[in-house]
Every structure is written in C-alpha cells, then in structure tokens.
C-alpha cells in the first residue's frame, strides 16, 4: 500500500492518481488498441490476397459467367 507521503508527492506534482492504478492501465489500453489495429490490417491484407488468387484462378470463367448473365437479362435488340 502506498503511504501518505508518496500520495502527497504525487498530488503535488500534478498527477491525480496513484501510479499503480492509472499508469499501468493507460499503457495496457494503448497496447490493446494498437494490437487490434494490426490484427485488422492483417485480416484485410489476407482477404485481399485470397480475392486476388481467386480472380487469377477463375478470372476468365467468372468474366464469361457475368457476360452470359447480363446478356440473358438484357438481350440485344
């Protein structure tokens, strides 16, 4: 437990809270949000790689399927 003198010293320096309570939590919060952003970026990159691989493998077949579908829906006059 923190003594009265150390608590008073913290308050005199302008810090409103005990170092064990505030400083560690703030640092952990920042690390958690940056880790979440990194994970989100990695997921987006992985999805982009998978989509490009699918388009490279099935590109021509997919293009023909879309063209045939559009021609069936919108016949030429």
PDB file of N, CA and C in Angstrom:
ATOM      1  N   UNK A   1       0.841  -1.172   0.000  1.00  0.00           N
ATOM      2  CA  UNK A   1       0.000   0.000   0.000  1.00  0.00           C
ATOM      3  C   UNK A   1       0.888   1.238   0.000  1.00  0.00           C
ATOM      4  N   UNK A   2       0.420   2.271  -0.676  1.00  0.00           N
ATOM      5  CA  UNK A   2       1.196   3.498  -0.807  1.00  0.00           C
ATOM      6  C   UNK A   2       0.974   4.351   0.431  1.00  0.00           C
ATOM      7  N   UNK A   3       2.063   4.902   0.964  1.00  0.00           N
ATOM      8  CA  UNK A   3       1.953   5.725   2.159  1.00  0.00           C
ATOM      9  C   UNK A   3       1.424   7.119   1.864  1.00  0.00           C
ATOM     10  N   UNK A   4       1.142   7.851   2.916  1.00  0.00           N
ATOM     11  CA  UNK A   4       0.573   9.194   2.781  1.00  0.00           C
ATOM     12  C   UNK A   4       1.575  10.124   2.111  1.00  0.00           C
ATOM     13  N   UNK A   5       2.850   9.992   2.430  1.00  0.00           N
ATOM     14  CA  UNK A   5       3.849  10.901   1.868  1.00  0.00           C
ATOM     15  C   UNK A   5       3.988  10.727   0.360  1.00  0.00           C
ATOM     16  N   UNK A   6       3.995   9.502  -0.111  1.00  0.00           N
ATOM     17  CA  UNK A   6       4.128   9.304  -1.558  1.00  0.00           C
ATOM     18  C   UNK A   6       2.868   9.754  -2.291  1.00  0.00           C
ATOM     19  N   UNK A   7       1.696   9.566  -1.681  1.00  0.00           N
ATOM     20  CA  UNK A   7       0.457  10.046  -2.289  1.00  0.00           C
ATOM     21  C   UNK A   7       0.476  11.560  -2.371  1.00  0.00           C
ATOM     22  N   UNK A   8       0.918  12.218  -1.317  1.00  0.00           N
ATOM     23  CA  UNK A   8       1.004  13.668  -1.307  1.00  0.00           C
ATOM     24  C   UNK A   8       1.993  14.158  -2.359  1.00  0.00           C
ATOM     25  N   UNK A   9       3.107  13.458  -2.507  1.00  0.00           N
ATOM     26  CA  UNK A   9       4.094  13.856  -3.509  1.00  0.00           C
ATOM     27  C   UNK A   9       3.514  13.757  -4.910  1.00  0.00           C
ATOM     28  N   UNK A  10       2.750  12.722  -5.179  1.00  0.00           N
ATOM     29  CA  UNK A  10       2.124  12.578  -6.494  1.00  0.00           C
ATOM     30  C   UNK A  10       1.128  13.700  -6.745  1.00  0.00           C
ATOM     31  N   UNK A  11       0.362  14.068  -5.751  1.00  0.00           N
ATOM     32  CA  UNK A  11      -0.632  15.134  -5.926  1.00  0.00           C
ATOM     33  C   UNK A  11       0.029  16.492  -6.080  1.00  0.00           C
ATOM     34  N   UNK A  12       1.145  16.712  -5.423  1.00  0.00           N
ATOM     35  CA  UNK A  12       1.828  17.991  -5.542  1.00  0.00           C
ATOM     36  C   UNK A  12       2.447  18.167  -6.929  1.00  0.00           C
ATOM     37  N   UNK A  13       2.806  17.087  -7.579  1.00  0.00           N
ATOM     38  CA  UNK A  13       3.397  17.185  -8.915  1.00  0.00           C
ATOM     39  C   UNK A  13       2.341  17.304  -9.996  1.00  0.00           C
ATOM     40  N   UNK A  14       1.065  17.268  -9.660  1.00  0.00           N
ATOM     41  CA  UNK A  14       0.009  17.440 -10.649  1.00  0.00           C
ATOM     42  C   UNK A  14      -0.571  16.133 -11.147  1.00  0.00           C
ATOM     43  N   UNK A  15      -0.104  15.031 -10.636  1.00  0.00           N
ATOM     44  CA  UNK A  15      -0.626  13.734 -11.047  1.00  0.00           C
ATOM     45  C   UNK A  15      -1.774  13.363 -10.134  1.00  0.00           C
ATOM     46  N   UNK A  16      -2.941  13.126 -10.665  1.00  0.00           N
ATOM     47  CA  UNK A  16      -4.120  12.826  -9.851  1.00  0.00           C
ATOM     48  C   UNK A  16      -4.431  11.340  -9.928  1.00  0.00           C
ATOM     49  N   UNK A  17      -3.788  10.586  -9.151  1.00  0.00           N
ATOM     50  CA  UNK A  17      -3.996   9.149  -9.105  1.00  0.00           C
ATOM     51  C   UNK A  17      -2.719   8.457  -8.709  1.00  0.00           C
ATOM     52  N   UNK A  18      -2.816   7.250  -8.328  1.00  0.00           N
ATOM     53  CA  UNK A  18      -1.644   6.501  -7.906  1.00  0.00           C
ATOM     54  C   UNK A  18      -0.999   5.854  -9.127  1.00  0.00           C
ATOM     55  N   UNK A  19       0.317   5.740  -9.161  1.00  0.00           N
ATOM     56  CA  UNK A  19       0.978   5.197 -10.351  1.00  0.00           C
ATOM     57  C   UNK A  19       0.572   3.752 -10.627  1.00  0.00           C
ATOM     58  N   UNK A  20       0.292   2.979  -9.609  1.00  0.00           N
ATOM     59  CA  UNK A  20      -0.076   1.589  -9.825  1.00  0.00           C
ATOM     60  C   UNK A  20      -1.463   1.469 -10.463  1.00  0.00           C
ATOM     61  N   UNK A  21      -2.320   2.441 -10.161  1.00  0.00           N
ATOM     62  CA  UNK A  21      -3.692   2.359 -10.643  1.00  0.00           C
ATOM     63  C   UNK A  21      -3.839   2.942 -12.042  1.00  0.00           C
ATOM     64  N   UNK A  22      -3.245   4.086 -12.327  1.00  0.00           N
ATOM     65  CA  UNK A  22      -3.526   4.796 -13.563  1.00  0.00           C
ATOM     66  C   UNK A  22      -2.516   4.494 -14.663  1.00  0.00           C
ATOM     67  N   UNK A  23      -1.233   4.595 -14.357  1.00  0.00           N
ATOM     68  CA  UNK A  23      -0.215   4.481 -15.390  1.00  0.00           C
ATOM     69  C   UNK A  23      -0.211   3.146 -16.100  1.00  0.00           C
ATOM     70  N   UNK A  24      -0.329   2.076 -15.373  1.00  0.00           N
ATOM     71  CA  UNK A  24      -0.307   0.751 -15.987  1.00  0.00           C
ATOM     72  C   UNK A  24      -1.529   0.484 -16.842  1.00  0.00           C
ATOM     73  N   UNK A  25      -2.683   0.938 -16.401  1.00  0.00           N
ATOM     74  CA  UNK A  25      -3.906   0.715 -17.169  1.00  0.00           C
ATOM     75  C   UNK A  25      -3.879   1.511 -18.466  1.00  0.00           C
ATOM     76  N   UNK A  26      -3.399   2.741 -18.411  1.00  0.00           N
ATOM     77  CA  UNK A  26      -3.352   3.558 -19.619  1.00  0.00           C
ATOM     78  C   UNK A  26      -2.423   2.922 -20.642  1.00  0.00           C
ATOM     79  N   UNK A  27      -1.279   2.425 -20.184  1.00  0.00           N
ATOM     80  CA  UNK A  27      -0.331   1.807 -21.101  1.00  0.00           C
ATOM     81  C   UNK A  27      -0.910   0.533 -21.710  1.00  0.00           C
ATOM     82  N   UNK A  28      -1.613  -0.272 -20.915  1.00  0.00           N
ATOM     83  CA  UNK A  28      -2.218  -1.500 -21.434  1.00  0.00           C
ATOM     84  C   UNK A  28      -3.314  -1.180 -22.427  1.00  0.00           C
ATOM     85  N   UNK A  29      -4.093  -0.121 -22.193  1.00  0.00           N
ATOM     86  CA  UNK A  29      -5.142   0.260 -23.128  1.00  0.00           C
ATOM     87  C   UNK A  29      -4.547   0.622 -24.478  1.00  0.00           C
ATOM     88  N   UNK A  30      -3.453   1.370 -24.491  1.00  0.00           N
ATOM     89  CA  UNK A  30      -2.818   1.766 -25.736  1.00  0.00           C
ATOM     90  C   UNK A  30      -2.264   0.561 -26.472  1.00  0.00           C
ATOM     91  N   UNK A  31      -1.679  -0.376 -25.761  1.00  0.00           N
ATOM     92  CA  UNK A  31      -1.156  -1.569 -26.407  1.00  0.00           C
ATOM     93  C   UNK A  31      -2.277  -2.405 -26.992  1.00  0.00           C
ATOM     94  N   UNK A  32      -3.406  -2.478 -26.339  1.00  0.00           N
ATOM     95  CA  UNK A  32      -4.524  -3.259 -26.835  1.00  0.00           C
ATOM     96  C   UNK A  32      -5.113  -2.676 -28.098  1.00  0.00           C
ATOM     97  N   UNK A  33      -5.254  -1.361 -28.173  1.00  0.00           N
ATOM     98  CA  UNK A  33      -5.838  -0.753 -29.360  1.00  0.00           C
ATOM     99  C   UNK A  33      -4.884  -0.852 -30.544  1.00  0.00           C
ATOM    100  N   UNK A  34      -3.584  -0.737 -30.327  1.00  0.00           N
ATOM    101  CA  UNK A  34      -2.650  -0.861 -31.445  1.00  0.00           C
ATOM    102  C   UNK A  34      -2.579  -2.308 -31.924  1.00  0.00           C
ATOM    103  N   UNK A  35      -2.683  -3.263 -31.012  1.00  0.00           N
ATOM    104  CA  UNK A  35      -2.703  -4.666 -31.420  1.00  0.00           C
ATOM    105  C   UNK A  35      -3.955  -4.967 -32.228  1.00  0.00           C
ATOM    106  N   UNK A  36      -5.077  -4.359 -31.862  1.00  0.00           N
ATOM    107  CA  UNK A  36      -6.309  -4.565 -32.608  1.00  0.00           C
ATOM    108  C   UNK A  36      -6.187  -3.995 -34.013  1.00  0.00           C
ATOM    109  N   UNK A  37      -5.578  -2.845 -34.156  1.00  0.00           N
ATOM    110  CA  UNK A  37      -5.391  -2.249 -35.482  1.00  0.00           C
ATOM    111  C   UNK A  37      -4.484  -3.107 -36.349  1.00  0.00           C
ATOM    112  N   UNK A  38      -3.446  -3.650 -35.750  1.00  0.00           N
ATOM    113  CA  UNK A  38      -2.530  -4.518 -36.507  1.00  0.00           C
ATOM    114  C   UNK A  38      -3.264  -5.779 -36.946  1.00  0.00           C
ATOM    115  N   UNK A  39      -4.060  -6.360 -36.064  1.00  0.00           N
ATOM    116  CA  UNK A  39      -4.809  -7.560 -36.433  1.00  0.00           C
ATOM    117  C   UNK A  39      -5.806  -7.269 -37.538  1.00  0.00           C
ATOM    118  N   UNK A  40      -6.481  -6.134 -37.468  1.00  0.00           N
ATOM    119  CA  UNK A  40      -7.431  -5.742 -38.505  1.00  0.00           C
ATOM    120  C   UNK A  40      -6.727  -5.558 -39.841  1.00  0.00           C
ATOM    121  N   UNK A  41      -5.576  -4.925 -39.833  1.00  0.00           N
ATOM    122  CA  UNK A  41      -4.813  -4.728 -41.065  1.00  0.00           C
ATOM    123  C   UNK A  41      -4.373  -6.066 -41.654  1.00  0.00           C
ATOM    124  N   UNK A  42      -3.936  -6.988 -40.812  1.00  0.00           N
ATOM    125  CA  UNK A  42      -3.529  -8.306 -41.305  1.00  0.00           C
ATOM    126  C   UNK A  42      -4.707  -9.068 -41.901  1.00  0.00           C
ATOM    127  N   UNK A  43      -5.876  -8.963 -41.306  1.00  0.00           N
ATOM    128  CA  UNK A  43      -7.062  -9.634 -41.844  1.00  0.00           C
ATOM    129  C   UNK A  43      -7.427  -9.049 -43.195  1.00  0.00           C
ATOM    130  N   UNK A  44      -7.372  -7.721 -43.330  1.00  0.00           N
ATOM    131  CA  UNK A  44      -7.690  -7.079 -44.610  1.00  0.00           C
ATOM    132  C   UNK A  44      -6.696  -7.500 -45.686  1.00  0.00           C
ATOM    133  N   UNK A  45      -5.422  -7.554 -45.353  1.00  0.00           N
ATOM    134  CA  UNK A  45      -4.403  -7.986 -46.312  1.00  0.00           C
ATOM    135  C   UNK A  45      -4.638  -9.439 -46.717  1.00  0.00           C
ATOM    136  N   UNK A  46      -4.970 -10.289 -45.765  1.00  0.00           N
ATOM    137  CA  UNK A  46      -5.230 -11.696 -46.073  1.00  0.00           C
ATOM    138  C   UNK A  46      -6.434 -11.838 -46.995  1.00  0.00           C
ATOM    139  N   UNK A  47      -7.495 -11.092 -46.740  1.00  0.00           N
ATOM    140  CA  UNK A  47      -8.678 -11.144 -47.603  1.00  0.00           C
ATOM    141  C   UNK A  47      -8.336 -10.668 -49.006  1.00  0.00           C
ATOM    142  N   UNK A  48      -7.538  -9.613 -49.119  1.00  0.00           N
ATOM    143  CA  UNK A  48      -7.135  -9.103 -50.431  1.00  0.00           C
ATOM    144  C   UNK A  48      -6.316 -10.136 -51.197  1.00  0.00           C
ATOM    145  N   UNK A  49      -5.413 -10.829 -50.521  1.00  0.00           N
ATOM    146  CA  UNK A  49      -4.595 -11.854 -51.182  1.00  0.00           C
ATOM    147  C   UNK A  49      -5.471 -12.998 -51.664  1.00  0.00           C
ATOM    148  N   UNK A  50      -6.415 -13.435 -50.847  1.00  0.00           N
ATOM    149  CA  UNK A  50      -7.311 -14.531 -51.230  1.00  0.00           C
ATOM    150  C   UNK A  50      -8.171 -14.121 -52.417  1.00  0.00           C
ATOM    151  N   UNK A  51      -8.694 -12.893 -52.406  1.00  0.00           N
ATOM    152  CA  UNK A  51      -9.526 -12.426 -53.521  1.00  0.00           C
ATOM    153  C   UNK A  51      -8.718 -12.342 -54.812  1.00  0.00           C
ATOM    154  N   UNK A  52      -7.488 -11.872 -54.746  1.00  0.00           N
ATOM    155  CA  UNK A  52      -6.659 -11.810 -55.949  1.00  0.00           C
ATOM    156  C   UNK A  52      -6.342 -13.202 -56.465  1.00  0.00           C
ATOM    157  N   UNK A  53      -6.101 -14.143 -55.568  1.00  0.00           N
ATOM    158  CA  UNK A  53      -5.834 -15.514 -56.002  1.00  0.00           C
ATOM    159  C   UNK A  53      -7.064 -16.111 -56.692  1.00  0.00           C
ATOM    160  N   UNK A  54      -8.244 -15.862 -56.139  1.00  0.00           N
ATOM    161  CA  UNK A  54      -9.477 -16.370 -56.752  1.00  0.00           C
ATOM    162  C   UNK A  54      -9.669 -15.753 -58.133  1.00  0.00           C
ATOM    163  N   UNK A  55      -9.430 -14.455 -58.261  1.00  0.00           N
ATOM    164  CA  UNK A  55      -9.583 -13.807 -59.558  1.00  0.00           C
ATOM    165  C   UNK A  55      -8.548 -14.301 -60.569  1.00  0.00           C
ATOM    166  N   UNK A  56      -7.340 -14.576 -60.128  1.00  0.00           N
ATOM    167  CA  UNK A  56      -6.329 -15.105 -61.046  1.00  0.00           C
ATOM    168  C   UNK A  56      -6.688 -16.514 -61.522  1.00  0.00           C
ATOM    169  N   UNK A  57      -7.234 -17.324 -60.629  1.00  0.00           N
ATOM    170  CA  UNK A  57      -7.563 -18.708 -60.986  1.00  0.00           C
ATOM    171  C   UNK A  57      -8.838 -18.770 -61.823  1.00  0.00           C
ATOM    172  N   UNK A  58      -9.863 -18.038 -61.419  1.00  0.00           N
ATOM    173  CA  UNK A  58     -11.164 -18.154 -62.064  1.00  0.00           C
ATOM    174  C   UNK A  58     -11.542 -16.914 -62.873  1.00  0.00           C
ATOM    175  N   UNK A  59     -10.593 -16.070 -63.203  1.00  0.00           N
ATOM    176  CA  UNK A  59     -10.879 -14.795 -63.850  1.00  0.00           C
ATOM    177  C   UNK A  59     -11.670 -14.914 -65.137  1.00  0.00           C
ATOM    178  N   UNK A  60     -11.217 -15.747 -66.083  1.00  0.00           N
ATOM    179  CA  UNK A  60     -11.888 -15.871 -67.380  1.00  0.00           C
ATOM    180  C   UNK A  60     -13.263 -16.513 -67.235  1.00  0.00           C
ATOM    181  N   UNK A  61     -13.367 -17.552 -66.428  1.00  0.00           N
ATOM    182  CA  UNK A  61     -14.664 -18.198 -66.223  1.00  0.00           C
ATOM    183  C   UNK A  61     -15.653 -17.244 -65.561  1.00  0.00           C
ATOM    184  N   UNK A  62     -15.176 -16.468 -64.604  1.00  0.00           N
ATOM    185  CA  UNK A  62     -16.035 -15.513 -63.920  1.00  0.00           C
ATOM    186  C   UNK A  62     -16.497 -14.414 -64.873  1.00  0.00           C
ATOM    187  N   UNK A  63     -15.587 -13.944 -65.728  1.00  0.00           N
ATOM    188  CA  UNK A  63     -15.943 -12.920 -66.709  1.00  0.00           C
ATOM    189  C   UNK A  63     -16.997 -13.429 -67.678  1.00  0.00           C
ATOM    190  N   UNK A  64     -16.825 -14.652 -68.188  1.00  0.00           N
ATOM    191  CA  UNK A  64     -17.801 -15.236 -69.110  1.00  0.00           C
ATOM    192  C   UNK A  64     -19.150 -15.450 -68.426  1.00  0.00           C
ATOM    193  N   UNK A  65     -19.153 -15.887 -67.187  1.00  0.00           N
ATOM    194  CA  UNK A  65     -20.414 -16.088 -66.467  1.00  0.00           C
ATOM    195  C   UNK A  65     -21.167 -14.770 -66.304  1.00  0.00           C
ATOM    196  N   UNK A  66     -20.437 -13.694 -65.969  1.00  0.00           N
ATOM    197  CA  UNK A  66     -21.074 -12.378 -65.807  1.00  0.00           C
ATOM    198  C   UNK A  66     -21.627 -11.888 -67.138  1.00  0.00           C
ATOM    199  N   UNK A  67     -20.840 -12.046 -68.222  1.00  0.00           N
ATOM    200  CA  UNK A  67     -21.313 -11.617 -69.538  1.00  0.00           C
ATOM    201  C   UNK A  67     -22.549 -12.394 -69.970  1.00  0.00           C
ATOM    202  N   UNK A  68     -22.548 -13.694 -69.779  1.00  0.00           N
ATOM    203  CA  UNK A  68     -23.711 -14.514 -70.153  1.00  0.00           C
ATOM    204  C   UNK A  68     -24.942 -14.140 -69.325  1.00  0.00           C
ATOM    205  N   UNK A  69     -24.746 -13.884 -68.054  1.00  0.00           N
ATOM    206  CA  UNK A  69     -25.853 -13.482 -67.197  1.00  0.00           C
ATOM    207  C   UNK A  69     -26.432 -12.145 -67.632  1.00  0.00           C
ATOM    208  N   UNK A  70     -25.564 -11.190 -67.926  1.00  0.00           N
ATOM    209  CA  UNK A  70     -26.035  -9.875 -68.369  1.00  0.00           C
ATOM    210  C   UNK A  70     -26.727  -9.948 -69.724  1.00  0.00           C
ATOM    211  N   UNK A  71     -26.192 -10.765 -70.629  1.00  0.00           N
ATOM    212  CA  UNK A  71     -26.841 -10.925 -71.935  1.00  0.00           C
ATOM    213  C   UNK A  71     -28.194 -11.594 -71.807  1.00  0.00           C
ATOM    214  N   UNK A  72     -28.348 -12.508 -70.868  1.00  0.00           N
ATOM    215  CA  UNK A  72     -29.630 -13.133 -70.633  1.00  0.00           C
ATOM    216  C   UNK A  72     -30.648 -12.161 -70.027  1.00  0.00           C
ATOM    217  N   UNK A  73     -30.192 -11.296 -69.147  1.00  0.00           N
ATOM    218  CA  UNK A  73     -31.081 -10.317 -68.523  1.00  0.00           C
ATOM    219  C   UNK A  73     -31.407  -9.145 -69.450  1.00  0.00           C
ATOM    220  N   UNK A  74     -30.412  -8.712 -70.241  1.00  0.00           N
ATOM    221  CA  UNK A  74     -30.557  -7.569 -71.134  1.00  0.00           C
ATOM    222  C   UNK A  74     -30.228  -7.980 -72.574  1.00  0.00           C
ATOM    223  N   UNK A  75     -31.156  -8.636 -73.264  1.00  0.00           N
ATOM    224  CA  UNK A  75     -30.848  -9.103 -74.627  1.00  0.00           C
ATOM    225  C   UNK A  75     -30.646  -7.932 -75.590  1.00  0.00           C
ATOM    226  N   UNK A  76     -29.810  -8.163 -76.606  1.00  0.00           N
ATOM    227  CA  UNK A  76     -29.556  -7.133 -77.608  1.00  0.00           C
ATOM    228  C   UNK A  76     -30.775  -6.990 -78.503  1.00  0.00           C
ATOM    229  N   UNK A  77     -31.036  -5.793 -79.018  1.00  0.00           N
ATOM    230  CA  UNK A  77     -32.218  -5.552 -79.872  1.00  0.00           C
ATOM    231  C   UNK A  77     -31.936  -5.863 -81.292  1.00  0.00           C
TER     232      UNK A  77
END
